[in-house]
Amino acid sequence: MLRLIHSKSMRLATVALDGKLVGPSVDEVRATVGYLRSGQKVCLNLQHLSYADAPGIGLLCAMRGEGILLVGATLLIDGLIKLHGDQSARSADVEELR
């Protein structure tokens, strides 16, 4: 289960993820961030994110690539994001060779 807690200031919306980013919660985070992005910068606070499955990590990586700030990641989540990023880079390199 994932709990989303968001707060807004004049220029920044912060969404704290608390729990596990798996299954349907991936779409919930995507929708929430999409709504908040319409007029502000968005920051995801990952301090209390205990786990994310492959689609969850993929979402975090995509959001980071779109300029969304990711802060407070645990060592596990940070490692999974870095691993996913490395694999994505390798996949792109392999595609270029074909």
Protein backbone atom coordinates (compact mmCIF):
# COMPACT_ATOMS: atom_id res chain seq x y z
CA MET A 1 0.00 0.00 0.00
CA LEU A 2 1.20 3.48 -0.82
CA ARG A 3 0.15 6.70 0.83
CA LEU A 4 0.60 9.96 -1.07
CA ILE A 5 0.97 13.16 0.91
CA HIS A 6 1.25 16.33 -1.09
CA SER A 7 1.73 19.94 -0.22
CA LYS A 8 1.96 22.99 -2.41
CA SER A 9 3.75 26.28 -2.14
CA MET A 10 3.67 29.09 -4.67
CA ARG A 11 6.34 27.48 -6.86
CA LEU A 12 6.81 23.89 -5.74
CA ALA A 13 4.49 20.96 -5.15
CA THR A 14 5.98 18.22 -2.98
CA VAL A 15 4.62 14.68 -3.00
CA ALA A 16 5.84 12.36 -0.26
CA LEU A 17 5.58 8.66 -1.07
CA ASP A 18 5.07 6.48 2.00
CA GLY A 19 5.03 2.70 1.58
CA LYS A 20 5.44 0.57 -1.56
CA LEU A 21 5.23 1.85 -5.12
CA VAL A 22 3.73 -1.22 -6.82
CA GLY A 23 0.78 -2.16 -8.99
CA PRO A 24 -2.05 0.39 -9.22
CA SER A 25 -0.17 2.92 -7.08
CA VAL A 26 2.16 3.54 -10.06
CA ASP A 27 -0.78 4.95 -12.03
CA GLU A 28 -1.94 6.93 -9.00
CA VAL A 29 1.46 8.60 -8.65
CA ARG A 30 1.59 9.29 -12.38
CA ALA A 31 -1.85 10.92 -12.30
CA THR A 32 -1.15 12.96 -9.16
CA VAL A 33 2.16 14.28 -10.48
CA GLY A 34 0.62 15.00 -13.88
CA TYR A 35 -2.09 17.07 -12.25
CA LEU A 36 0.35 18.99 -10.04
CA ARG A 37 2.80 19.63 -12.89
CA SER A 38 0.27 21.73 -14.75
CA GLY A 39 1.43 24.90 -13.01
CA GLN A 40 4.38 24.12 -10.76
CA LYS A 41 7.64 22.31 -10.36
CA VAL A 42 7.18 18.99 -8.60
CA CYS A 43 9.41 17.28 -6.06
CA LEU A 44 8.98 13.65 -5.00
CA ASN A 45 10.09 12.94 -1.44
CA LEU A 46 11.14 9.28 -1.36
CA GLN A 47 12.31 9.22 2.25
CA HIS A 48 9.54 6.83 3.36
CA LEU A 49 9.30 4.81 0.15
CA SER A 50 10.22 1.31 1.32
CA TYR A 51 10.04 -0.57 -2.00
CA ALA A 52 9.21 -0.14 -5.68
CA ASP A 53 8.68 -2.83 -8.31
CA ALA A 54 10.04 -2.56 -11.87
CA PRO A 55 7.18 -0.35 -13.17
CA GLY A 56 7.54 1.87 -10.09
CA ILE A 57 11.27 2.31 -10.61
CA GLY A 58 10.65 2.91 -14.31
CA LEU A 59 8.19 5.66 -13.42
CA LEU A 60 10.66 7.31 -11.04
CA CYS A 61 13.39 7.20 -13.68
CA ALA A 62 11.08 8.65 -16.33
CA MET A 63 9.97 11.42 -14.00
CA ARG A 64 13.56 12.25 -13.12
CA GLY A 65 14.28 12.46 -16.85
CA GLU A 66 11.37 14.90 -17.20
CA GLY A 67 12.87 17.24 -14.62
CA ILE A 68 10.98 16.16 -11.52
CA LEU A 69 13.15 16.35 -8.42
CA LEU A 70 13.64 13.09 -6.50
CA VAL A 71 14.85 13.62 -2.93
CA GLY A 72 15.45 11.52 0.17
CA ALA A 73 15.72 8.11 -1.49
CA THR A 74 16.87 5.24 0.71
CA LEU A 75 19.92 3.26 -0.36
CA LEU A 76 17.65 0.53 -1.77
CA ILE A 77 15.55 2.88 -3.88
CA ASP A 78 18.59 4.89 -4.99
CA GLY A 79 20.36 1.68 -6.02
CA LEU A 80 17.33 0.44 -7.97
CA ILE A 81 17.05 3.77 -9.79
CA LYS A 82 20.74 3.71 -10.68
CA LEU A 83 20.53 0.07 -11.80
CA HIS A 84 17.52 0.82 -14.00
CA GLY A 85 19.31 3.85 -15.48
CA ASP A 86 22.40 1.77 -16.27
CA GLN A 87 20.29 -0.93 -17.93
CA SER A 88 18.41 1.66 -19.97
CA ALA A 89 21.70 3.16 -21.17
CA ARG A 90 23.01 -0.31 -22.11
CA SER A 91 19.82 -1.10 -24.02
CA ALA A 92 20.15 2.14 -25.99
CA ASP A 93 23.79 1.31 -26.80
CA VAL A 94 22.82 -2.15 -28.07
CA GLU A 95 20.06 -0.67 -30.25
CA GLU A 96 22.55 1.76 -31.81
CA LEU A 97 24.81 -1.15 -32.80
CA ARG A 98 22.03 -2.94 -34.68
